[in-house]
Amino acid sequence: MVVQTRIEDKLTRELVPARLVVENESKNHSVPAGSETHFKVTVVSPRFEGLGRVDRHKLVYSILKDELAGGVHALTITSRTPSEWAADATVTASPPCLGGSKSTS
């Protein structure tokens, strides 16, 4: 869980989140066991105040640029301000993988 720990550490340091959940979803994809290639991040931070969804995601991508350049293949992001989270704490479930050996075609 080296990559997951780096993601958690960087987002904690840069965003000082009220809530942070980093899930390694690699096991749901056509990758070797133990991979750290697909992540789902739920982050609630006051740093998102005044930013739209695209700018929030750009901020997260910039914080995790090394991980994205070095093996993280997919990153699903739920980004909210504390007040948005208080109003709606719903996190959408990730869709099933249809790539590689899991393809239905």
PDB file of N, CA and C in Angstrom:
ATOM      1  N   MET A   1       0.824  -1.194   0.000  1.00  0.00           N
ATOM      2  CA  MET A   1       0.000   0.000   0.000  1.00  0.00           C
ATOM      3  C   MET A   1       0.868   1.258   0.000  1.00  0.00           C
ATOM      4  N   VAL A   2       1.957   1.208  -0.702  1.00  0.00           N
ATOM      5  CA  VAL A   2       2.879   2.334  -0.771  1.00  0.00           C
ATOM      6  C   VAL A   2       2.245   3.510  -1.508  1.00  0.00           C
ATOM      7  N   VAL A   3       1.650   3.257  -2.659  1.00  0.00           N
ATOM      8  CA  VAL A   3       1.044   4.333  -3.449  1.00  0.00           C
ATOM      9  C   VAL A   3      -0.145   4.923  -2.703  1.00  0.00           C
ATOM     10  N   GLN A   4      -0.983   4.088  -2.141  1.00  0.00           N
ATOM     11  CA  GLN A   4      -2.137   4.580  -1.390  1.00  0.00           C
ATOM     12  C   GLN A   4      -1.689   5.477  -0.239  1.00  0.00           C
ATOM     13  N   THR A   5      -0.660   5.084   0.471  1.00  0.00           N
ATOM     14  CA  THR A   5      -0.146   5.880   1.590  1.00  0.00           C
ATOM     15  C   THR A   5       0.383   7.227   1.093  1.00  0.00           C
ATOM     16  N   ARG A   6       1.091   7.228  -0.031  1.00  0.00           N
ATOM     17  CA  ARG A   6       1.587   8.494  -0.595  1.00  0.00           C
ATOM     18  C   ARG A   6       0.430   9.410  -0.975  1.00  0.00           C
ATOM     19  N   ILE A   7      -0.620   8.848  -1.579  1.00  0.00           N
ATOM     20  CA  ILE A   7      -1.795   9.636  -1.946  1.00  0.00           C
ATOM     21  C   ILE A   7      -2.421  10.244  -0.696  1.00  0.00           C
ATOM     22  N   GLU A   8      -2.612   9.426   0.327  1.00  0.00           N
ATOM     23  CA  GLU A   8      -3.198   9.913   1.582  1.00  0.00           C
ATOM     24  C   GLU A   8      -2.342  11.018   2.204  1.00  0.00           C
ATOM     25  N   ASP A   9      -1.033  10.799   2.245  1.00  0.00           N
ATOM     26  CA  ASP A   9      -0.130  11.778   2.852  1.00  0.00           C
ATOM     27  C   ASP A   9      -0.142  13.105   2.098  1.00  0.00           C
ATOM     28  N   LYS A  10      -0.059  13.045   0.788  1.00  0.00           N
ATOM     29  CA  LYS A  10      -0.022  14.273  -0.009  1.00  0.00           C
ATOM     30  C   LYS A  10      -1.331  15.055   0.088  1.00  0.00           C
ATOM     31  N   LEU A  11      -2.447  14.354  -0.030  1.00  0.00           N
ATOM     32  CA  LEU A  11      -3.731  15.054   0.041  1.00  0.00           C
ATOM     33  C   LEU A  11      -3.967  15.628   1.436  1.00  0.00           C
ATOM     34  N   THR A  12      -3.542  14.922   2.460  1.00  0.00           N
ATOM     35  CA  THR A  12      -3.678  15.429   3.830  1.00  0.00           C
ATOM     36  C   THR A  12      -2.838  16.686   4.017  1.00  0.00           C
ATOM     37  N   ARG A  13      -1.616  16.638   3.553  1.00  0.00           N
ATOM     38  CA  ARG A  13      -0.707  17.774   3.714  1.00  0.00           C
ATOM     39  C   ARG A  13      -1.189  19.006   2.924  1.00  0.00           C
ATOM     40  N   GLU A  14      -1.624  18.806   1.701  1.00  0.00           N
ATOM     41  CA  GLU A  14      -1.963  19.932   0.830  1.00  0.00           C
ATOM     42  C   GLU A  14      -3.386  20.458   1.013  1.00  0.00           C
ATOM     43  N   LEU A  15      -4.327  19.584   1.341  1.00  0.00           N
ATOM     44  CA  LEU A  15      -5.733  19.999   1.397  1.00  0.00           C
ATOM     45  C   LEU A  15      -6.284  20.110   2.817  1.00  0.00           C
ATOM     46  N   VAL A  16      -5.562  19.610   3.803  1.00  0.00           N
ATOM     47  CA  VAL A  16      -6.004  19.618   5.203  1.00  0.00           C
ATOM     48  C   VAL A  16      -7.502  19.254   5.265  1.00  0.00           C
ATOM     49  N   PRO A  17      -7.833  18.054   4.823  1.00  0.00           N
ATOM     50  CA  PRO A  17      -9.243  17.678   4.685  1.00  0.00           C
ATOM     51  C   PRO A  17      -9.963  17.444   6.005  1.00  0.00           C
ATOM     52  N   ALA A  18     -11.242  17.758   5.980  1.00  0.00           N
ATOM     53  CA  ALA A  18     -12.124  17.402   7.086  1.00  0.00           C
ATOM     54  C   ALA A  18     -12.462  15.915   6.997  1.00  0.00           C
ATOM     55  N   ARG A  19     -12.408  15.380   5.783  1.00  0.00           N
ATOM     56  CA  ARG A  19     -12.661  13.955   5.537  1.00  0.00           C
ATOM     57  C   ARG A  19     -11.820  13.540   4.336  1.00  0.00           C
ATOM     58  N   LEU A  20     -11.188  12.393   4.452  1.00  0.00           N
ATOM     59  CA  LEU A  20     -10.420  11.837   3.341  1.00  0.00           C
ATOM     60  C   LEU A  20     -10.549  10.325   3.368  1.00  0.00           C
ATOM     61  N   VAL A  21     -11.010   9.772   2.265  1.00  0.00           N
ATOM     62  CA  VAL A  21     -11.073   8.320   2.103  1.00  0.00           C
ATOM     63  C   VAL A  21     -10.407   7.998   0.771  1.00  0.00           C
ATOM     64  N   VAL A  22      -9.385   7.168   0.814  1.00  0.00           N
ATOM     65  CA  VAL A  22      -8.687   6.727  -0.390  1.00  0.00           C
ATOM     66  C   VAL A  22      -8.864   5.222  -0.477  1.00  0.00           C
ATOM     67  N   GLU A  23      -9.521   4.788  -1.537  1.00  0.00           N
ATOM     68  CA  GLU A  23      -9.794   3.354  -1.723  1.00  0.00           C
ATOM     69  C   GLU A  23      -9.022   2.839  -2.927  1.00  0.00           C
ATOM     70  N   ASN A  24      -8.304   1.752  -2.732  1.00  0.00           N
ATOM     71  CA  ASN A  24      -7.622   1.088  -3.833  1.00  0.00           C
ATOM     72  C   ASN A  24      -8.641   0.157  -4.496  1.00  0.00           C
ATOM     73  N   GLU A  25      -9.075   0.531  -5.683  1.00  0.00           N
ATOM     74  CA  GLU A  25     -10.066  -0.272  -6.401  1.00  0.00           C
ATOM     75  C   GLU A  25      -9.434  -1.159  -7.464  1.00  0.00           C
ATOM     76  N   SER A  26      -8.134  -1.329  -7.405  1.00  0.00           N
ATOM     77  CA  SER A  26      -7.420  -2.119  -8.413  1.00  0.00           C
ATOM     78  C   SER A  26      -7.933  -3.546  -8.516  1.00  0.00           C
ATOM     79  N   LYS A  27      -8.345  -4.124  -7.385  1.00  0.00           N
ATOM     80  CA  LYS A  27      -8.818  -5.518  -7.383  1.00  0.00           C
ATOM     81  C   LYS A  27     -10.056  -5.704  -8.261  1.00  0.00           C
ATOM     82  N   ASN A  28     -10.744  -4.614  -8.576  1.00  0.00           N
ATOM     83  CA  ASN A  28     -11.947  -4.678  -9.410  1.00  0.00           C
ATOM     84  C   ASN A  28     -11.617  -4.614 -10.897  1.00  0.00           C
ATOM     85  N   HIS A  29     -10.343  -4.578 -11.231  1.00  0.00           N
ATOM     86  CA  HIS A  29      -9.916  -4.391 -12.622  1.00  0.00           C
ATOM     87  C   HIS A  29      -8.985  -5.511 -13.049  1.00  0.00           C
ATOM     88  N   SER A  30      -8.708  -5.554 -14.323  1.00  0.00           N
ATOM     89  CA  SER A  30      -7.859  -6.609 -14.892  1.00  0.00           C
ATOM     90  C   SER A  30      -6.384  -6.263 -14.719  1.00  0.00           C
ATOM     91  N   VAL A  31      -5.933  -6.322 -13.474  1.00  0.00           N
ATOM     92  CA  VAL A  31      -4.539  -6.051 -13.143  1.00  0.00           C
ATOM     93  C   VAL A  31      -4.063  -7.139 -12.187  1.00  0.00           C
ATOM     94  N   PRO A  32      -2.754  -7.318 -12.066  1.00  0.00           N
ATOM     95  CA  PRO A  32      -2.245  -8.345 -11.146  1.00  0.00           C
ATOM     96  C   PRO A  32      -2.660  -8.074  -9.693  1.00  0.00           C
ATOM     97  N   ALA A  33      -2.810  -9.127  -8.935  1.00  0.00           N
ATOM     98  CA  ALA A  33      -3.139  -9.007  -7.507  1.00  0.00           C
ATOM     99  C   ALA A  33      -2.108  -8.124  -6.818  1.00  0.00           C
ATOM    100  N   GLY A  34      -2.569  -7.288  -5.919  1.00  0.00           N
ATOM    101  CA  GLY A  34      -1.685  -6.403  -5.181  1.00  0.00           C
ATOM    102  C   GLY A  34      -1.352  -5.099  -5.891  1.00  0.00           C
ATOM    103  N   SER A  35      -1.938  -4.881  -7.055  1.00  0.00           N
ATOM    104  CA  SER A  35      -1.664  -3.661  -7.814  1.00  0.00           C
ATOM    105  C   SER A  35      -2.202  -2.423  -7.114  1.00  0.00           C
ATOM    106  N   GLU A  36      -1.599  -1.300  -7.420  1.00  0.00           N
ATOM    107  CA  GLU A  36      -2.066  -0.002  -6.938  1.00  0.00           C
ATOM    108  C   GLU A  36      -2.176   0.922  -8.154  1.00  0.00           C
ATOM    109  N   THR A  37      -3.198   0.665  -8.964  1.00  0.00           N
ATOM    110  CA  THR A  37      -3.344   1.382 -10.234  1.00  0.00           C
ATOM    111  C   THR A  37      -4.649   2.147 -10.362  1.00  0.00           C
ATOM    112  N   HIS A  38      -5.658   1.772  -9.612  1.00  0.00           N
ATOM    113  CA  HIS A  38      -6.986   2.380  -9.708  1.00  0.00           C
ATOM    114  C   HIS A  38      -7.427   2.820  -8.315  1.00  0.00           C
ATOM    115  N   PHE A  39      -7.691   4.115  -8.160  1.00  0.00           N
ATOM    116  CA  PHE A  39      -8.067   4.645  -6.852  1.00  0.00           C
ATOM    117  C   PHE A  39      -9.340   5.478  -6.927  1.00  0.00           C
ATOM    118  N   LYS A  40     -10.044   5.464  -5.824  1.00  0.00           N
ATOM    119  CA  LYS A  40     -11.224   6.306  -5.625  1.00  0.00           C
ATOM    120  C   LYS A  40     -10.934   7.175  -4.407  1.00  0.00           C
ATOM    121  N   VAL A  41     -11.041   8.488  -4.595  1.00  0.00           N
ATOM    122  CA  VAL A  41     -10.725   9.446  -3.536  1.00  0.00           C
ATOM    123  C   VAL A  41     -11.970  10.255  -3.211  1.00  0.00           C
ATOM    124  N   THR A  42     -12.318  10.295  -1.947  1.00  0.00           N
ATOM    125  CA  THR A  42     -13.354  11.184  -1.449  1.00  0.00           C
ATOM    126  C   THR A  42     -12.652  12.165  -0.529  1.00  0.00           C
ATOM    127  N   VAL A  43     -12.698  13.448  -0.880  1.00  0.00           N
ATOM    128  CA  VAL A  43     -11.999  14.455  -0.095  1.00  0.00           C
ATOM    129  C   VAL A  43     -12.912  15.654   0.148  1.00  0.00           C
ATOM    130  N   VAL A  44     -13.013  16.021   1.414  1.00  0.00           N
ATOM    131  CA  VAL A  44     -13.818  17.159   1.843  1.00  0.00           C
ATOM    132  C   VAL A  44     -12.842  18.171   2.426  1.00  0.00           C
ATOM    133  N   SER A  45     -12.768  19.347   1.801  1.00  0.00           N
ATOM    134  CA  SER A  45     -11.774  20.325   2.229  1.00  0.00           C
ATOM    135  C   SER A  45     -12.270  21.754   2.042  1.00  0.00           C
ATOM    136  N   PRO A  46     -11.952  22.624   2.989  1.00  0.00           N
ATOM    137  CA  PRO A  46     -12.271  24.034   2.815  1.00  0.00           C
ATOM    138  C   PRO A  46     -11.495  24.662   1.657  1.00  0.00           C
ATOM    139  N   ARG A  47     -10.410  24.032   1.228  1.00  0.00           N
ATOM    140  CA  ARG A  47      -9.633  24.546   0.080  1.00  0.00           C
ATOM    141  C   ARG A  47     -10.456  24.552  -1.202  1.00  0.00           C
ATOM    142  N   PHE A  48     -11.569  23.808  -1.228  1.00  0.00           N
ATOM    143  CA  PHE A  48     -12.406  23.763  -2.421  1.00  0.00           C
ATOM    144  C   PHE A  48     -13.403  24.923  -2.501  1.00  0.00           C
ATOM    145  N   GLU A  49     -13.499  25.721  -1.443  1.00  0.00           N
ATOM    146  CA  GLU A  49     -14.424  26.856  -1.447  1.00  0.00           C
ATOM    147  C   GLU A  49     -14.139  27.752  -2.650  1.00  0.00           C
ATOM    148  N   GLY A  50     -15.182  28.098  -3.392  1.00  0.00           N
ATOM    149  CA  GLY A  50     -15.042  28.991  -4.531  1.00  0.00           C
ATOM    150  C   GLY A  50     -14.529  28.335  -5.797  1.00  0.00           C
ATOM    151  N   LEU A  51     -14.227  27.044  -5.749  1.00  0.00           N
ATOM    152  CA  LEU A  51     -13.746  26.330  -6.934  1.00  0.00           C
ATOM    153  C   LEU A  51     -14.847  25.444  -7.493  1.00  0.00           C
ATOM    154  N   GLY A  52     -14.969  25.414  -8.809  1.00  0.00           N
ATOM    155  CA  GLY A  52     -15.880  24.486  -9.455  1.00  0.00           C
ATOM    156  C   GLY A  52     -15.285  23.087  -9.472  1.00  0.00           C
ATOM    157  N   ARG A  53     -16.072  22.134  -9.918  1.00  0.00           N
ATOM    158  CA  ARG A  53     -15.631  20.739  -9.923  1.00  0.00           C
ATOM    159  C   ARG A  53     -14.356  20.525 -10.740  1.00  0.00           C
ATOM    160  N   VAL A  54     -14.287  21.137 -11.916  1.00  0.00           N
ATOM    161  CA  VAL A  54     -13.106  20.947 -12.764  1.00  0.00           C
ATOM    162  C   VAL A  54     -11.854  21.490 -12.072  1.00  0.00           C
ATOM    163  N   ASP A  55     -11.949  22.670 -11.479  1.00  0.00           N
ATOM    164  CA  ASP A  55     -10.786  23.242 -10.795  1.00  0.00           C
ATOM    165  C   ASP A  55     -10.399  22.435  -9.557  1.00  0.00           C
ATOM    166  N   ARG A  56     -11.371  21.867  -8.876  1.00  0.00           N
ATOM    167  CA  ARG A  56     -11.069  21.002  -7.729  1.00  0.00           C
ATOM    168  C   ARG A  56     -10.287  19.782  -8.189  1.00  0.00           C
ATOM    169  N   HIS A  57     -10.749  19.189  -9.287  1.00  0.00           N
ATOM    170  CA  HIS A  57     -10.071  18.000  -9.802  1.00  0.00           C
ATOM    171  C   HIS A  57      -8.674  18.348 -10.299  1.00  0.00           C
ATOM    172  N   LYS A  58      -8.531  19.494 -10.956  1.00  0.00           N
ATOM    173  CA  LYS A  58      -7.206  19.925 -11.397  1.00  0.00           C
ATOM    174  C   LYS A  58      -6.262  20.078 -10.210  1.00  0.00           C
ATOM    175  N   LEU A  59      -6.771  20.597  -9.102  1.00  0.00           N
ATOM    176  CA  LEU A  59      -5.962  20.750  -7.894  1.00  0.00           C
ATOM    177  C   LEU A  59      -5.507  19.382  -7.385  1.00  0.00           C
ATOM    178  N   VAL A  60      -6.423  18.436  -7.311  1.00  0.00           N
ATOM    179  CA  VAL A  60      -6.067  17.084  -6.860  1.00  0.00           C
ATOM    180  C   VAL A  60      -5.063  16.451  -7.827  1.00  0.00           C
ATOM    181  N   TYR A  61      -5.300  16.590  -9.145  1.00  0.00           N
ATOM    182  CA  TYR A  61      -4.367  16.040 -10.134  1.00  0.00           C
ATOM    183  C   TYR A  61      -2.973  16.651  -9.974  1.00  0.00           C
ATOM    184  N   SER A  62      -2.909  17.957  -9.706  1.00  0.00           N
ATOM    185  CA  SER A  62      -1.594  18.595  -9.565  1.00  0.00           C
ATOM    186  C   SER A  62      -0.871  18.082  -8.316  1.00  0.00           C
ATOM    187  N   ILE A  63      -1.598  17.836  -7.255  1.00  0.00           N
ATOM    188  CA  ILE A  63      -0.999  17.299  -6.027  1.00  0.00           C
ATOM    189  C   ILE A  63      -0.475  15.885  -6.254  1.00  0.00           C
ATOM    190  N   LEU A  64      -1.193  15.120  -7.075  1.00  0.00           N
ATOM    191  CA  LEU A  64      -0.836  13.706  -7.307  1.00  0.00           C
ATOM    192  C   LEU A  64      -0.155  13.482  -8.660  1.00  0.00           C
ATOM    193  N   LYS A  65       0.460  14.523  -9.212  1.00  0.00           N
ATOM    194  CA  LYS A  65       1.041  14.415 -10.557  1.00  0.00           C
ATOM    195  C   LYS A  65       2.074  13.294 -10.667  1.00  0.00           C
ATOM    196  N   ASP A  66       2.894  13.095  -9.641  1.00  0.00           N
ATOM    197  CA  ASP A  66       3.911  12.037  -9.704  1.00  0.00           C
ATOM    198  C   ASP A  66       3.271  10.651  -9.723  1.00  0.00           C
ATOM    199  N   GLU A  67       2.246  10.461  -8.924  1.00  0.00           N
ATOM    200  CA  GLU A  67       1.555   9.165  -8.882  1.00  0.00           C
ATOM    201  C   GLU A  67       0.849   8.890 -10.205  1.00  0.00           C
ATOM    202  N   LEU A  68       0.238   9.916 -10.787  1.00  0.00           N
ATOM    203  CA  LEU A  68      -0.461   9.744 -12.060  1.00  0.00           C
ATOM    204  C   LEU A  68       0.516   9.482 -13.202  1.00  0.00           C
ATOM    205  N   ALA A  69       1.716  10.016 -13.108  1.00  0.00           N
ATOM    206  CA  ALA A  69       2.734   9.788 -14.132  1.00  0.00           C
ATOM    207  C   ALA A  69       3.463   8.466 -13.921  1.00  0.00           C
ATOM    208  N   GLY A  70       3.316   7.893 -12.729  1.00  0.00           N
ATOM    209  CA  GLY A  70       4.118   6.727 -12.402  1.00  0.00           C
ATOM    210  C   GLY A  70       3.364   5.469 -12.077  1.00  0.00           C
ATOM    211  N   GLY A  71       2.218   5.245 -12.675  1.00  0.00           N
ATOM    212  CA  GLY A  71       1.565   3.959 -12.476  1.00  0.00           C
ATOM    213  C   GLY A  71       0.105   4.002 -12.095  1.00  0.00           C
ATOM    214  N   VAL A  72      -0.374   5.111 -11.544  1.00  0.00           N
ATOM    215  CA  VAL A  72      -1.808   5.194 -11.250  1.00  0.00           C
ATOM    216  C   VAL A  72      -2.519   5.411 -12.579  1.00  0.00           C
ATOM    217  N   HIS A  73      -3.338   4.456 -12.928  1.00  0.00           N
ATOM    218  CA  HIS A  73      -4.018   4.442 -14.223  1.00  0.00           C
ATOM    219  C   HIS A  73      -5.355   5.179 -14.179  1.00  0.00           C
ATOM    220  N   ALA A  74      -6.037   5.113 -13.037  1.00  0.00           N
ATOM    221  CA  ALA A  74      -7.368   5.712 -12.941  1.00  0.00           C
ATOM    222  C   ALA A  74      -7.562   6.310 -11.552  1.00  0.00           C
ATOM    223  N   LEU A  75      -8.211   7.482 -11.540  1.00  0.00           N
ATOM    224  CA  LEU A  75      -8.478   8.173 -10.286  1.00  0.00           C
ATOM    225  C   LEU A  75      -9.887   8.747 -10.349  1.00  0.00           C
ATOM    226  N   THR A  76     -10.748   8.235  -9.493  1.00  0.00           N
ATOM    227  CA  THR A  76     -12.106   8.744  -9.371  1.00  0.00           C
ATOM    228  C   THR A  76     -12.117   9.689  -8.174  1.00  0.00           C
ATOM    229  N   ILE A  77     -12.662  10.901  -8.377  1.00  0.00           N
ATOM    230  CA  ILE A  77     -12.602  11.914  -7.317  1.00  0.00           C
ATOM    231  C   ILE A  77     -13.998  12.406  -6.967  1.00  0.00           C
ATOM    232  N   THR A  78     -14.305  12.392  -5.680  1.00  0.00           N
ATOM    233  CA  THR A  78     -15.454  13.109  -5.139  1.00  0.00           C
ATOM    234  C   THR A  78     -14.861  14.216  -4.292  1.00  0.00           C
ATOM    235  N   SER A  79     -15.124  15.471  -4.665  1.00  0.00           N
ATOM    236  CA  SER A  79     -14.530  16.614  -3.967  1.00  0.00           C
ATOM    237  C   SER A  79     -15.642  17.556  -3.514  1.00  0.00           C
ATOM    238  N   ARG A  80     -15.670  17.812  -2.214  1.00  0.00           N
ATOM    239  CA  ARG A  80     -16.711  18.681  -1.658  1.00  0.00           C
ATOM    240  C   ARG A  80     -16.132  19.613  -0.613  1.00  0.00           C
ATOM    241  N   THR A  81     -16.825  20.729  -0.412  1.00  0.00           N
ATOM    242  CA  THR A  81     -16.515  21.604   0.714  1.00  0.00           C
ATOM    243  C   THR A  81     -17.201  21.000   1.936  1.00  0.00           C
ATOM    244  N   PRO A  82     -16.815  21.401   3.135  1.00  0.00           N
ATOM    245  CA  PRO A  82     -17.492  20.883   4.318  1.00  0.00           C
ATOM    246  C   PRO A  82     -19.004  21.134   4.315  1.00  0.00           C
ATOM    247  N   SER A  83     -19.444  22.305   3.866  1.00  0.00           N
ATOM    248  CA  SER A  83     -20.888  22.575   3.844  1.00  0.00           C
ATOM    249  C   SER A  83     -21.600  21.725   2.798  1.00  0.00           C
ATOM    250  N   GLU A  84     -20.963  21.489   1.670  1.00  0.00           N
ATOM    251  CA  GLU A  84     -21.565  20.605   0.654  1.00  0.00           C
ATOM    252  C   GLU A  84     -21.673  19.180   1.191  1.00  0.00           C
ATOM    253  N   TRP A  85     -20.651  18.730   1.899  1.00  0.00           N
ATOM    254  CA  TRP A  85     -20.660  17.379   2.466  1.00  0.00           C
ATOM    255  C   TRP A  85     -21.757  17.242   3.514  1.00  0.00           C
ATOM    256  N   ALA A  86     -21.939  18.299   4.325  1.00  0.00           N
ATOM    257  CA  ALA A  86     -22.988  18.273   5.352  1.00  0.00           C
ATOM    258  C   ALA A  86     -24.369  18.164   4.708  1.00  0.00           C
ATOM    259  N   ALA A  87     -24.530  18.774   3.536  1.00  0.00           N
ATOM    260  CA  ALA A  87     -25.813  18.740   2.840  1.00  0.00           C
ATOM    261  C   ALA A  87     -26.020  17.448   2.052  1.00  0.00           C
ATOM    262  N   ASP A  88     -24.919  16.830   1.594  1.00  0.00           N
ATOM    263  CA  ASP A  88     -25.026  15.622   0.777  1.00  0.00           C
ATOM    264  C   ASP A  88     -23.737  14.817   0.899  1.00  0.00           C
ATOM    265  N   ALA A  89     -23.775  13.752   1.671  1.00  0.00           N
ATOM    266  CA  ALA A  89     -22.602  12.904   1.883  1.00  0.00           C
ATOM    267  C   ALA A  89     -22.633  11.658   0.991  1.00  0.00           C
ATOM    268  N   THR A  90     -23.346  11.750  -0.112  1.00  0.00           N
ATOM    269  CA  THR A  90     -23.453  10.628  -1.041  1.00  0.00           C
ATOM    270  C   THR A  90     -22.196  10.537  -1.903  1.00  0.00           C
ATOM    271  N   VAL A  91     -21.673   9.331  -2.025  1.00  0.00           N
ATOM    272  CA  VAL A  91     -20.554   9.064  -2.920  1.00  0.00           C
ATOM    273  C   VAL A  91     -21.024   8.017  -3.912  1.00  0.00           C
ATOM    274  N   THR A  92     -20.921   8.329  -5.177  1.00  0.00           N
ATOM    275  CA  THR A  92     -21.380   7.426  -6.231  1.00  0.00           C
ATOM    276  C   THR A  92     -20.507   6.176  -6.286  1.00  0.00           C
ATOM    277  N   ALA A  93     -21.147   5.047  -6.438  1.00  0.00           N
ATOM    278  CA  ALA A  93     -20.407   3.783  -6.577  1.00  0.00           C
ATOM    279  C   ALA A  93     -19.668   3.770  -7.907  1.00  0.00           C
ATOM    280  N   SER A  94     -18.505   3.165  -7.900  1.00  0.00           N
ATOM    281  CA  SER A  94     -17.729   3.053  -9.131  1.00  0.00           C
ATOM    282  C   SER A  94     -18.387   2.052 -10.064  1.00  0.00           C
ATOM    283  N   PRO A  95     -18.340   2.320 -11.368  1.00  0.00           N
ATOM    284  CA  PRO A  95     -18.914   1.367 -12.315  1.00  0.00           C
ATOM    285  C   PRO A  95     -18.041   0.118 -12.404  1.00  0.00           C
ATOM    286  N   PRO A  96     -18.611  -0.984 -12.836  1.00  0.00           N
ATOM    287  CA  PRO A  96     -17.808  -2.201 -12.980  1.00  0.00           C
ATOM    288  C   PRO A  96     -16.803  -2.054 -14.118  1.00  0.00           C
ATOM    289  N   CYS A  97     -15.675  -2.718 -13.975  1.00  0.00           N
ATOM    290  CA  CYS A  97     -14.663  -2.711 -15.021  1.00  0.00           C
ATOM    291  C   CYS A  97     -15.121  -3.597 -16.176  1.00  0.00           C
ATOM    292  N   LEU A  98     -14.985  -3.083 -17.383  1.00  0.00           N
ATOM    293  CA  LEU A  98     -15.317  -3.866 -18.573  1.00  0.00           C
ATOM    294  C   LEU A  98     -14.098  -4.033 -19.485  1.00  0.00           C
ATOM    295  N   GLY A  99     -12.926  -3.646 -18.997  1.00  0.00           N
ATOM    296  CA  GLY A  99     -11.718  -3.731 -19.798  1.00  0.00           C
ATOM    297  C   GLY A  99     -11.011  -5.064 -19.630  1.00  0.00           C
ATOM    298  N   GLY A 100     -10.022  -5.286 -20.461  1.00  0.00           N
ATOM    299  CA  GLY A 100      -9.195  -6.484 -20.361  1.00  0.00           C
ATOM    300  C   GLY A 100     -10.018  -7.760 -20.367  1.00  0.00           C
ATOM    301  N   SER A 101      -9.733  -8.657 -19.445  1.00  0.00           N
ATOM    302  CA  SER A 101     -10.398  -9.958 -19.408  1.00  0.00           C
ATOM    303  C   SER A 101     -11.837  -9.853 -18.894  1.00  0.00           C
ATOM    304  N   LYS A 102     -12.247  -8.685 -18.395  1.00  0.00           N
ATOM    305  CA  LYS A 102     -13.605  -8.527 -17.880  1.00  0.00           C
ATOM    306  C   LYS A 102     -14.559  -8.001 -18.939  1.00  0.00           C
ATOM    307  N   SER A 103     -14.065  -7.780 -20.135  1.00  0.00           N
ATOM    308  CA  SER A 103     -14.890  -7.267 -21.226  1.00  0.00           C
ATOM    309  C   SER A 103     -15.969  -8.268 -21.607  1.00  0.00           C
ATOM    310  N   THR A 104     -17.134  -7.763 -21.957  1.00  0.00           N
ATOM    311  CA  THR A 104     -18.229  -8.633 -22.362  1.00  0.00           C
ATOM    312  C   THR A 104     -18.259  -8.852 -23.877  1.00  0.00           C
ATOM    313  N   SER A 105     -17.344  -8.240 -24.583  1.00  0.00           N
ATOM    314  CA  SER A 105     -17.366  -8.386 -26.049  1.00  0.00           C
ATOM    315  C   SER A 105     -16.555  -9.550 -26.531  1.00  0.00           C
TER     316      SER A 105
END
